[in-house]
Amino acid sequence: MEPNRPSEPNGPGETPPPAVAPLQYRSDGPEDAPVLVLGPSLGTTWHMWDRQIPELVRDWRVVRFDLPGHGGAPAQPFTSVAELGDRLLATLDTLGVQRFGYAGCSLGGAVGLDLALRAPHRVASLALVATSPRFGSADEFRQRGVIVRTNGLEPMARTAPEQWFTPLFAGAQPAIVDWAVQMVRTTDPACYVAACEALAVFDVREALGRIGVPALVLVGSEDQVTGPAEARTLVAGIADARLAVVPGASHLAPVEQPAAVTDLLAEHFAGIAQEASGTLTVPPLPAVPVPAAEPAAEVP
């Protein structure tokens, strides 16, 4: 099945596209349930959340989106995290979704921070997975963009396993490693570079105190990209935030420790109370054949 992509007018008599280009998305779960939006990490697709879906759809209508140029989505690069947030809101507007819970991983978490700051009336609750208010340095991400412009995405694909998973998990689950590498390889290089440029200038450290929604800050104990130190910065800055450390997990904790992450998300978002409106029928897509992992979680 083809994923849901923004429609394009075919002639002068048709409705023009919106000023903000919507994103490729899919929806699972009851259409009248509270909405939970899941945002992906750079270089991944919405499938990084596949193993959370069976549990979450019991109580929520789960909307996942792909970053531009990822997962076969139209290659329409964004220039900032705020622009990506605007495009997500435009997508949710087409679904009739006004208020929602939001969970995002890494770049997806940056989108959540942006929305909680610029559209607090839309965000009911927030989960920040492997996220930081400032991702490394501007030079680091600009250099990554130079590498991709020069050599394509193969260097990023080769280093993805060590960035995303613990060595123990990578050695035990080669099928998942291969699947992750393919996500990077099939990403549009120009969109990847644009995302790097957007992360290079993303910095909300001074604004964290203005976030007024409940926030779960979730981090893998072995994450070397955005680890526990960055997570504690978020918890210290956001008034209503708590920290959850998942042992035995690195950057893609939802993939490496799916049961632990699912339980933490379900507990955090249990208090969402909102009305879901609009109608959306999405044919099922084939599931990614990812083996199960052992559950584990620790909330200090």
C-alpha atoms as a PDB file:
ATOM      1  CA  MET A   1       0.000   0.000   0.000  1.00  0.00           C
ATOM      2  CA  GLU A   2       1.115   3.536  -0.710  1.00  0.00           C
ATOM      3  CA  PRO A   3       1.515   5.760   2.374  1.00  0.00           C
ATOM      4  CA  ASN A   4      -0.515   8.932   2.761  1.00  0.00           C
ATOM      5  CA  ARG A   5       1.235  11.709   0.879  1.00  0.00           C
ATOM      6  CA  PRO A   6       0.179  15.294   0.251  1.00  0.00           C
ATOM      7  CA  SER A   7      -2.024  15.526  -2.809  1.00  0.00           C
ATOM      8  CA  GLU A   8      -1.015  17.629  -5.796  1.00  0.00           C
ATOM      9  CA  PRO A   9      -3.401  19.560  -8.042  1.00  0.00           C
ATOM     10  CA  ASN A  10      -3.586  18.271 -11.618  1.00  0.00           C
ATOM     11  CA  GLY A  11      -5.107  21.265 -13.302  1.00  0.00           C
ATOM     12  CA  PRO A  12      -6.035  24.941 -12.993  1.00  0.00           C
ATOM     13  CA  GLY A  13      -9.525  24.157 -11.680  1.00  0.00           C
ATOM     14  CA  GLU A  14      -8.324  22.204  -8.664  1.00  0.00           C
ATOM     15  CA  THR A  15      -7.680  23.462  -5.154  1.00  0.00           C
ATOM     16  CA  PRO A  16      -4.125  24.815  -4.770  1.00  0.00           C
ATOM     17  CA  PRO A  17      -1.844  23.192  -2.201  1.00  0.00           C
ATOM     18  CA  PRO A  18      -1.669  24.743   1.290  1.00  0.00           C
ATOM     19  CA  ALA A  19       0.938  27.397   1.983  1.00  0.00           C
ATOM     20  CA  VAL A  20       2.678  24.957   4.337  1.00  0.00           C
ATOM     21  CA  ALA A  21       3.384  21.572   2.779  1.00  0.00           C
ATOM     22  CA  PRO A  22       1.924  18.762   4.922  1.00  0.00           C
ATOM     23  CA  LEU A  23       3.883  15.653   5.794  1.00  0.00           C
ATOM     24  CA  GLN A  24       3.538  12.006   4.856  1.00  0.00           C
ATOM     25  CA  TYR A  25       1.680  10.285   7.692  1.00  0.00           C
ATOM     26  CA  ARG A  26      -0.258   7.240   8.782  1.00  0.00           C
ATOM     27  CA  SER A  27      -2.857   6.755  11.491  1.00  0.00           C
ATOM     28  CA  ASP A  28      -3.684   3.692  13.574  1.00  0.00           C
ATOM     29  CA  GLY A  29      -6.281   3.074  16.242  1.00  0.00           C
ATOM     30  CA  PRO A  30      -9.839   4.263  16.917  1.00  0.00           C
ATOM     31  CA  GLU A  31     -10.754   7.443  15.071  1.00  0.00           C
ATOM     32  CA  ASP A  32     -12.667   8.802  18.077  1.00  0.00           C
ATOM     33  CA  ALA A  33      -9.848   8.210  20.580  1.00  0.00           C
ATOM     34  CA  PRO A  34      -7.478  10.861  21.969  1.00  0.00           C
ATOM     35  CA  VAL A  35      -4.637  11.517  19.540  1.00  0.00           C
ATOM     36  CA  LEU A  36      -1.009  10.664  20.207  1.00  0.00           C
ATOM     37  CA  VAL A  37       1.544  11.856  17.628  1.00  0.00           C
ATOM     38  CA  LEU A  38       4.890  10.050  17.296  1.00  0.00           C
ATOM     39  CA  GLY A  39       7.863  11.818  15.691  1.00  0.00           C
ATOM     40  CA  PRO A  40      10.916  10.009  14.243  1.00  0.00           C
ATOM     41  CA  SER A  41      14.652  10.506  14.560  1.00  0.00           C
ATOM     42  CA  LEU A  42      16.802  11.831  11.719  1.00  0.00           C
ATOM     43  CA  GLY A  43      17.545   9.036   9.256  1.00  0.00           C
ATOM     44  CA  THR A  44      14.636   6.860  10.378  1.00  0.00           C
ATOM     45  CA  THR A  45      11.001   6.459   9.327  1.00  0.00           C
ATOM     46  CA  TRP A  46       7.747   6.092  11.221  1.00  0.00           C
ATOM     47  CA  HIS A  47       8.527   2.378  11.400  1.00  0.00           C
ATOM     48  CA  MET A  48      10.918   3.060  14.292  1.00  0.00           C
ATOM     49  CA  TRP A  49       7.733   3.125  16.426  1.00  0.00           C
ATOM     50  CA  ASP A  50       6.236  -0.109  15.045  1.00  0.00           C
ATOM     51  CA  ARG A  51       6.612  -2.103  18.222  1.00  0.00           C
ATOM     52  CA  GLN A  52       4.855   0.540  20.329  1.00  0.00           C
ATOM     53  CA  ILE A  53       1.739   0.549  18.153  1.00  0.00           C
ATOM     54  CA  PRO A  54      -0.106  -2.646  19.258  1.00  0.00           C
ATOM     55  CA  GLU A  55      -0.235  -1.447  22.860  1.00  0.00           C
ATOM     56  CA  LEU A  56      -0.787   2.265  22.238  1.00  0.00           C
ATOM     57  CA  VAL A  57      -3.725   1.846  19.846  1.00  0.00           C
ATOM     58  CA  ARG A  58      -5.773   0.304  22.641  1.00  0.00           C
ATOM     59  CA  ASP A  59      -6.326   3.789  24.050  1.00  0.00           C
ATOM     60  CA  TRP A  60      -5.141   6.268  21.416  1.00  0.00           C
ATOM     61  CA  ARG A  61      -5.425   7.150  17.801  1.00  0.00           C
ATOM     62  CA  VAL A  62      -1.734   7.144  16.936  1.00  0.00           C
ATOM     63  CA  VAL A  63      -0.551   9.420  14.132  1.00  0.00           C
ATOM     64  CA  ARG A  64       3.004   8.898  12.867  1.00  0.00           C
ATOM     65  CA  PHE A  65       4.770  11.032  10.307  1.00  0.00           C
ATOM     66  CA  ASP A  66       7.852  10.773   8.129  1.00  0.00           C
ATOM     67  CA  LEU A  67      10.422  13.502   7.821  1.00  0.00           C
ATOM     68  CA  PRO A  68      10.674  14.963   4.302  1.00  0.00           C
ATOM     69  CA  GLY A  69      12.668  12.680   2.030  1.00  0.00           C
ATOM     70  CA  HIS A  70      12.497   9.801   4.515  1.00  0.00           C
ATOM     71  CA  GLY A  71      10.566   6.582   3.942  1.00  0.00           C
ATOM     72  CA  GLY A  72       9.587   7.585   0.429  1.00  0.00           C
ATOM     73  CA  ALA A  73       8.079  10.908   1.560  1.00  0.00           C
ATOM     74  CA  PRO A  74       8.254  13.807  -0.908  1.00  0.00           C
ATOM     75  CA  ALA A  75      11.710  15.382  -0.902  1.00  0.00           C
ATOM     76  CA  GLN A  76      10.669  18.851   0.282  1.00  0.00           C
ATOM     77  CA  PRO A  77      13.489  19.992   2.610  1.00  0.00           C
ATOM     78  CA  PHE A  78      12.705  22.128   5.652  1.00  0.00           C
ATOM     79  CA  THR A  79      14.911  24.995   6.764  1.00  0.00           C
ATOM     80  CA  SER A  80      14.269  24.908  10.517  1.00  0.00           C
ATOM     81  CA  VAL A  81      12.739  22.799  13.257  1.00  0.00           C
ATOM     82  CA  ALA A  82       9.994  25.423  13.512  1.00  0.00           C
ATOM     83  CA  GLU A  83       9.130  24.966   9.827  1.00  0.00           C
ATOM     84  CA  LEU A  84       8.911  21.213  10.372  1.00  0.00           C
ATOM     85  CA  GLY A  85       6.614  21.881  13.320  1.00  0.00           C
ATOM     86  CA  ASP A  86       4.418  24.104  11.146  1.00  0.00           C
ATOM     87  CA  ARG A  87       4.201  21.380   8.524  1.00  0.00           C
ATOM     88  CA  LEU A  88       3.182  18.854  11.160  1.00  0.00           C
ATOM     89  CA  LEU A  89       0.458  21.182  12.453  1.00  0.00           C
ATOM     90  CA  ALA A  90      -0.777  21.666   8.886  1.00  0.00           C
ATOM     91  CA  THR A  91      -0.945  17.891   8.506  1.00  0.00           C
ATOM     92  CA  LEU A  92      -2.898  17.505  11.752  1.00  0.00           C
ATOM     93  CA  ASP A  93      -5.237  20.304  10.654  1.00  0.00           C
ATOM     94  CA  THR A  94      -6.172  18.258   7.589  1.00  0.00           C
ATOM     95  CA  LEU A  95      -7.139  15.428   9.978  1.00  0.00           C
ATOM     96  CA  GLY A  96      -9.214  17.680  12.194  1.00  0.00           C
ATOM     97  CA  VAL A  97      -6.831  17.183  15.123  1.00  0.00           C
ATOM     98  CA  GLN A  98      -6.572  20.193  17.432  1.00  0.00           C
ATOM     99  CA  ARG A  99      -5.091  18.897  20.709  1.00  0.00           C
ATOM    100  CA  PHE A 100      -2.813  15.912  20.993  1.00  0.00           C
ATOM    101  CA  GLY A 101      -0.150  14.203  23.023  1.00  0.00           C
ATOM    102  CA  TYR A 102       3.263  14.192  21.407  1.00  0.00           C
ATOM    103  CA  ALA A 103       6.246  11.861  21.714  1.00  0.00           C
ATOM    104  CA  GLY A 104       9.346  12.353  19.583  1.00  0.00           C
ATOM    105  CA  CYS A 105      12.799  10.818  19.343  1.00  0.00           C
ATOM    106  CA  SER A 106      15.878  13.039  18.817  1.00  0.00           C
ATOM    107  CA  LEU A 107      14.934  15.389  15.936  1.00  0.00           C
ATOM    108  CA  GLY A 108      11.344  14.301  16.523  1.00  0.00           C
ATOM    109  CA  GLY A 109      11.783  15.386  20.137  1.00  0.00           C
ATOM    110  CA  ALA A 110      13.085  18.771  18.995  1.00  0.00           C
ATOM    111  CA  VAL A 111       9.812  19.189  17.115  1.00  0.00           C
ATOM    112  CA  GLY A 112       7.956  18.454  20.339  1.00  0.00           C
ATOM    113  CA  LEU A 113       9.925  21.115  22.197  1.00  0.00           C
ATOM    114  CA  ASP A 114       9.201  23.604  19.430  1.00  0.00           C
ATOM    115  CA  LEU A 115       5.461  22.867  19.440  1.00  0.00           C
ATOM    116  CA  ALA A 116       5.229  23.058  23.224  1.00  0.00           C
ATOM    117  CA  LEU A 117       6.800  26.528  23.035  1.00  0.00           C
ATOM    118  CA  ARG A 118       5.020  27.955  19.983  1.00  0.00           C
ATOM    119  CA  ALA A 119       1.681  26.122  20.084  1.00  0.00           C
ATOM    120  CA  PRO A 120       1.068  25.205  23.738  1.00  0.00           C
ATOM    121  CA  HIS A 121      -2.697  25.206  23.155  1.00  0.00           C
ATOM    122  CA  ARG A 122      -2.249  22.248  20.781  1.00  0.00           C
ATOM    123  CA  VAL A 123       0.036  20.045  22.914  1.00  0.00           C
ATOM    124  CA  ALA A 124      -1.654  18.271  25.831  1.00  0.00           C
ATOM    125  CA  SER A 125       1.378  16.337  27.052  1.00  0.00           C
ATOM    126  CA  LEU A 126       4.932  15.703  25.897  1.00  0.00           C
ATOM    127  CA  ALA A 127       7.461  12.860  25.831  1.00  0.00           C
ATOM    128  CA  LEU A 128      11.030  13.632  24.806  1.00  0.00           C
ATOM    129  CA  VAL A 129      13.034  10.552  23.825  1.00  0.00           C
ATOM    130  CA  ALA A 130      16.803  10.859  23.283  1.00  0.00           C
ATOM    131  CA  THR A 131      16.336  14.614  22.992  1.00  0.00           C
ATOM    132  CA  SER A 132      18.363  17.688  23.876  1.00  0.00           C
ATOM    133  CA  PRO A 133      17.564  21.410  23.928  1.00  0.00           C
ATOM    134  CA  ARG A 134      20.781  21.839  21.917  1.00  0.00           C
ATOM    135  CA  PHE A 135      22.156  19.025  19.765  1.00  0.00           C
ATOM    136  CA  GLY A 136      25.940  19.127  19.868  1.00  0.00           C
ATOM    137  CA  SER A 137      27.493  22.099  18.090  1.00  0.00           C
ATOM    138  CA  ALA A 138      26.582  23.953  14.932  1.00  0.00           C
ATOM    139  CA  ASP A 139      29.929  23.010  13.399  1.00  0.00           C
ATOM    140  CA  GLU A 140      29.326  19.325  14.081  1.00  0.00           C
ATOM    141  CA  PHE A 141      26.070  19.254  12.136  1.00  0.00           C
ATOM    142  CA  ARG A 142      27.340  21.473   9.355  1.00  0.00           C
ATOM    143  CA  GLN A 143      30.304  19.134   8.950  1.00  0.00           C
ATOM    144  CA  ARG A 144      27.911  16.217   8.750  1.00  0.00           C
ATOM    145  CA  GLY A 145      26.115  18.034   5.947  1.00  0.00           C
ATOM    146  CA  VAL A 146      29.430  18.537   4.116  1.00  0.00           C
ATOM    147  CA  ILE A 147      30.153  14.816   4.362  1.00  0.00           C
ATOM    148  CA  VAL A 148      26.768  13.915   2.876  1.00  0.00           C
ATOM    149  CA  ARG A 149      27.100  16.475   0.087  1.00  0.00           C
ATOM    150  CA  THR A 150      30.506  15.046  -0.794  1.00  0.00           C
ATOM    151  CA  ASN A 151      30.055  11.316  -0.238  1.00  0.00           C
ATOM    152  CA  GLY A 152      26.320  10.702  -0.061  1.00  0.00           C
ATOM    153  CA  LEU A 153      24.654   8.901   2.834  1.00  0.00           C
ATOM    154  CA  GLU A 154      26.855   5.813   2.909  1.00  0.00           C
ATOM    155  CA  PRO A 155      29.143   7.220   5.662  1.00  0.00           C
ATOM    156  CA  MET A 156      26.069   7.970   7.796  1.00  0.00           C
ATOM    157  CA  ALA A 157      24.647   4.504   7.122  1.00  0.00           C
ATOM    158  CA  ARG A 158      27.892   2.814   8.154  1.00  0.00           C
ATOM    159  CA  THR A 159      28.062   4.655  11.484  1.00  0.00           C
ATOM    160  CA  ALA A 160      24.341   4.440  12.307  1.00  0.00           C
ATOM    161  CA  PRO A 161      24.508   1.099  14.201  1.00  0.00           C
ATOM    162  CA  GLU A 162      27.137   2.328  16.670  1.00  0.00           C
ATOM    163  CA  GLN A 163      25.244   5.610  17.129  1.00  0.00           C
ATOM    164  CA  TRP A 164      21.833   4.021  17.601  1.00  0.00           C
ATOM    165  CA  PHE A 165      22.356   0.708  19.420  1.00  0.00           C
ATOM    166  CA  THR A 166      24.470  -0.792  22.168  1.00  0.00           C
ATOM    167  CA  PRO A 167      27.173  -3.211  20.952  1.00  0.00           C
ATOM    168  CA  LEU A 168      25.468  -6.103  22.724  1.00  0.00           C
ATOM    169  CA  PHE A 169      22.161  -5.453  20.966  1.00  0.00           C
ATOM    170  CA  ALA A 170      23.778  -4.870  17.566  1.00  0.00           C
ATOM    171  CA  GLY A 171      25.645  -8.150  17.835  1.00  0.00           C
ATOM    172  CA  ALA A 172      22.556 -10.083  18.868  1.00  0.00           C
ATOM    173  CA  GLN A 173      20.131  -8.497  16.390  1.00  0.00           C
ATOM    174  CA  PRO A 174      21.832  -8.205  12.968  1.00  0.00           C
ATOM    175  CA  ALA A 175      18.441  -8.088  11.191  1.00  0.00           C
ATOM    176  CA  ILE A 176      17.523  -4.920  13.059  1.00  0.00           C
ATOM    177  CA  VAL A 177      20.908  -3.388  12.283  1.00  0.00           C
ATOM    178  CA  ASP A 178      20.471  -4.112   8.573  1.00  0.00           C
ATOM    179  CA  TRP A 179      16.957  -2.646   8.674  1.00  0.00           C
ATOM    180  CA  ALA A 180      18.241   0.518  10.361  1.00  0.00           C
ATOM    181  CA  VAL A 181      21.059   0.949   7.851  1.00  0.00           C
ATOM    182  CA  GLN A 182      18.590   0.648   4.982  1.00  0.00           C
ATOM    183  CA  MET A 183      16.464   3.448   6.460  1.00  0.00           C
ATOM    184  CA  VAL A 184      19.458   5.762   6.205  1.00  0.00           C
ATOM    185  CA  ARG A 185      20.476   4.601   2.732  1.00  0.00           C
ATOM    186  CA  THR A 186      16.999   5.248   1.315  1.00  0.00           C
ATOM    187  CA  THR A 187      16.794   8.792   2.695  1.00  0.00           C
ATOM    188  CA  ASP A 188      17.001  11.706   0.266  1.00  0.00           C
ATOM    189  CA  PRO A 189      20.475  13.265   0.745  1.00  0.00           C
ATOM    190  CA  ALA A 190      19.310  16.863   0.257  1.00  0.00           C
ATOM    191  CA  CYS A 191      16.632  16.427   2.929  1.00  0.00           C
ATOM    192  CA  TYR A 192      19.156  14.857   5.287  1.00  0.00           C
ATOM    193  CA  VAL A 193      21.523  17.796   4.790  1.00  0.00           C
ATOM    194  CA  ALA A 194      18.676  20.281   5.340  1.00  0.00           C
ATOM    195  CA  ALA A 195      17.800  18.534   8.599  1.00  0.00           C
ATOM    196  CA  CYS A 196      21.431  18.814   9.716  1.00  0.00           C
ATOM    197  CA  GLU A 197      21.358  22.539   8.952  1.00  0.00           C
ATOM    198  CA  ALA A 198      18.149  22.904  10.968  1.00  0.00           C
ATOM    199  CA  LEU A 199      19.644  21.088  13.959  1.00  0.00           C
ATOM    200  CA  ALA A 200      22.795  23.207  13.714  1.00  0.00           C
ATOM    201  CA  VAL A 201      20.823  26.307  14.719  1.00  0.00           C
ATOM    202  CA  PHE A 202      18.300  24.677  17.073  1.00  0.00           C
ATOM    203  CA  ASP A 203      18.730  25.932  20.637  1.00  0.00           C
ATOM    204  CA  VAL A 204      15.873  26.264  23.143  1.00  0.00           C
ATOM    205  CA  ARG A 205      17.925  26.098  26.358  1.00  0.00           C
ATOM    206  CA  GLU A 206      16.839  29.558  27.487  1.00  0.00           C
ATOM    207  CA  ALA A 207      13.166  28.875  26.696  1.00  0.00           C
ATOM    208  CA  LEU A 208      12.651  25.625  28.600  1.00  0.00           C
ATOM    209  CA  GLY A 209      11.073  27.429  31.530  1.00  0.00           C
ATOM    210  CA  ARG A 210       8.184  28.490  29.297  1.00  0.00           C
ATOM    211  CA  ILE A 211       7.093  24.891  28.627  1.00  0.00           C
ATOM    212  CA  GLY A 212       3.954  24.389  30.686  1.00  0.00           C
ATOM    213  CA  VAL A 213       2.811  20.892  29.729  1.00  0.00           C
ATOM    214  CA  PRO A 214       3.716  17.672  31.582  1.00  0.00           C
ATOM    215  CA  ALA A 215       6.870  16.185  30.076  1.00  0.00           C
ATOM    216  CA  LEU A 216       8.427  12.747  30.271  1.00  0.00           C
ATOM    217  CA  VAL A 217      12.152  12.871  29.462  1.00  0.00           C
ATOM    218  CA  LEU A 218      13.202   9.376  28.408  1.00  0.00           C
ATOM    219  CA  VAL A 219      16.791   8.388  27.699  1.00  0.00           C
ATOM    220  CA  GLY A 220      18.773   5.202  27.172  1.00  0.00           C
ATOM    221  CA  SER A 221      21.427   4.664  29.818  1.00  0.00           C
ATOM    222  CA  GLU A 222      24.002   3.958  27.089  1.00  0.00           C
ATOM    223  CA  ASP A 223      23.051   6.778  24.707  1.00  0.00           C
ATOM    224  CA  GLN A 224      26.262   8.453  23.510  1.00  0.00           C
ATOM    225  CA  VAL A 225      24.458  10.927  21.226  1.00  0.00           C
ATOM    226  CA  THR A 226      21.965  12.617  23.555  1.00  0.00           C
ATOM    227  CA  GLY A 227      22.585  10.882  26.833  1.00  0.00           C
ATOM    228  CA  PRO A 228      21.535  11.255  30.477  1.00  0.00           C
ATOM    229  CA  ALA A 229      23.337  14.606  30.862  1.00  0.00           C
ATOM    230  CA  GLU A 230      21.212  16.192  28.138  1.00  0.00           C
ATOM    231  CA  ALA A 231      18.111  14.556  29.593  1.00  0.00           C
ATOM    232  CA  ARG A 232      18.820  16.071  33.007  1.00  0.00           C
ATOM    233  CA  THR A 233      19.183  19.503  31.397  1.00  0.00           C
ATOM    234  CA  LEU A 234      15.646  19.136  30.060  1.00  0.00           C
ATOM    235  CA  VAL A 235      14.292  17.979  33.416  1.00  0.00           C
ATOM    236  CA  ALA A 236      15.983  20.868  35.213  1.00  0.00           C
ATOM    237  CA  GLY A 237      14.555  23.405  32.770  1.00  0.00           C
ATOM    238  CA  ILE A 238      10.967  22.185  32.346  1.00  0.00           C
ATOM    239  CA  ALA A 239       8.777  22.807  35.375  1.00  0.00           C
ATOM    240  CA  ASP A 240       6.618  19.686  35.153  1.00  0.00           C
ATOM    241  CA  ALA A 241       9.109  17.086  33.922  1.00  0.00           C
ATOM    242  CA  ARG A 242      10.333  13.715  35.151  1.00  0.00           C
ATOM    243  CA  LEU A 243      13.244  11.579  34.052  1.00  0.00           C
ATOM    244  CA  ALA A 244      13.054   7.957  32.922  1.00  0.00           C
ATOM    245  CA  VAL A 245      16.304   6.095  32.234  1.00  0.00           C
ATOM    246  CA  VAL A 246      16.029   2.885  30.215  1.00  0.00           C
ATOM    247  CA  PRO A 247      18.919   0.520  30.984  1.00  0.00           C
ATOM    248  CA  GLY A 248      20.486  -1.434  28.166  1.00  0.00           C
ATOM    249  CA  ALA A 249      19.410   1.076  25.523  1.00  0.00           C
ATOM    250  CA  SER A 250      21.208   3.578  23.346  1.00  0.00           C
ATOM    251  CA  HIS A 251      19.830   6.312  21.066  1.00  0.00           C
ATOM    252  CA  LEU A 252      16.942   4.393  19.457  1.00  0.00           C
ATOM    253  CA  ALA A 253      15.497   3.185  22.747  1.00  0.00           C
ATOM    254  CA  PRO A 254      12.015   2.531  21.231  1.00  0.00           C
ATOM    255  CA  VAL A 255      13.635  -0.066  18.948  1.00  0.00           C
ATOM    256  CA  GLU A 256      16.181  -1.502  21.364  1.00  0.00           C
ATOM    257  CA  GLN A 257      13.926  -1.731  24.437  1.00  0.00           C
ATOM    258  CA  PRO A 258      10.396  -1.517  23.016  1.00  0.00           C
ATOM    259  CA  ALA A 259       8.467  -2.930  25.981  1.00  0.00           C
ATOM    260  CA  ALA A 260      10.108  -0.577  28.466  1.00  0.00           C
ATOM    261  CA  VAL A 261       9.516   2.474  26.282  1.00  0.00           C
ATOM    262  CA  THR A 262       5.923   1.481  25.542  1.00  0.00           C
ATOM    263  CA  ASP A 263       5.113   1.068  29.243  1.00  0.00           C
ATOM    264  CA  LEU A 264       6.621   4.447  30.083  1.00  0.00           C
ATOM    265  CA  LEU A 265       4.728   6.202  27.285  1.00  0.00           C
ATOM    266  CA  ALA A 266       1.432   4.523  28.178  1.00  0.00           C
ATOM    267  CA  GLU A 267       1.792   5.552  31.816  1.00  0.00           C
ATOM    268  CA  HIS A 268       2.743   9.131  30.979  1.00  0.00           C
ATOM    269  CA  PHE A 269      -0.029   9.752  28.458  1.00  0.00           C
ATOM    270  CA  ALA A 270      -2.756   8.003  30.464  1.00  0.00           C
ATOM    271  CA  GLY A 271      -4.049  11.382  31.613  1.00  0.00           C
ATOM    272  CA  ILE A 272      -4.767  12.800  28.162  1.00  0.00           C
ATOM    273  CA  ALA A 273      -8.368  13.995  27.974  1.00  0.00           C
ATOM    274  CA  GLN A 274      -9.442  15.453  24.667  1.00  0.00           C
ATOM    275  CA  GLU A 275     -12.018  15.089  21.960  1.00  0.00           C
ATOM    276  CA  ALA A 276     -10.939  13.504  18.689  1.00  0.00           C
ATOM    277  CA  SER A 277     -12.631  14.841  15.619  1.00  0.00           C
ATOM    278  CA  GLY A 278     -12.542  14.172  11.903  1.00  0.00           C
ATOM    279  CA  THR A 279     -12.544  10.927  10.005  1.00  0.00           C
ATOM    280  CA  LEU A 280      -9.542   9.124   8.629  1.00  0.00           C
ATOM    281  CA  THR A 281      -9.399   5.702   7.033  1.00  0.00           C
ATOM    282  CA  VAL A 282      -5.927   4.373   6.367  1.00  0.00           C
ATOM    283  CA  PRO A 283      -5.304   0.922   4.866  1.00  0.00           C
ATOM    284  CA  PRO A 284      -2.819  -1.141   6.887  1.00  0.00           C
ATOM    285  CA  LEU A 285       0.796  -1.193   5.829  1.00  0.00           C
ATOM    286  CA  PRO A 286       2.934  -4.319   6.170  1.00  0.00           C
ATOM    287  CA  ALA A 287       4.756  -4.483   9.476  1.00  0.00           C
ATOM    288  CA  VAL A 288       8.529  -4.290   9.537  1.00  0.00           C
ATOM    289  CA  PRO A 289       9.873  -7.728  10.557  1.00  0.00           C
ATOM    290  CA  VAL A 290      11.712  -6.634  13.668  1.00  0.00           C
ATOM    291  CA  PRO A 291      12.356  -9.298  16.348  1.00  0.00           C
ATOM    292  CA  ALA A 292      11.163  -8.715  19.888  1.00  0.00           C
ATOM    293  CA  ALA A 293      13.559  -7.415  22.521  1.00  0.00           C
ATOM    294  CA  GLU A 294      13.651  -7.974  26.256  1.00  0.00           C
ATOM    295  CA  PRO A 295      11.695  -5.349  28.251  1.00  0.00           C
ATOM    296  CA  ALA A 296      13.528  -3.289  30.817  1.00  0.00           C
ATOM    297  CA  ALA A 297      12.940   0.060  32.449  1.00  0.00           C
ATOM    298  CA  GLU A 298      14.102   2.130  35.360  1.00  0.00           C
ATOM    299  CA  VAL A 299      12.665   5.400  36.560  1.00  0.00           C
ATOM    300  CA  PRO A 300      14.912   7.002  39.153  1.00  0.00           C
END
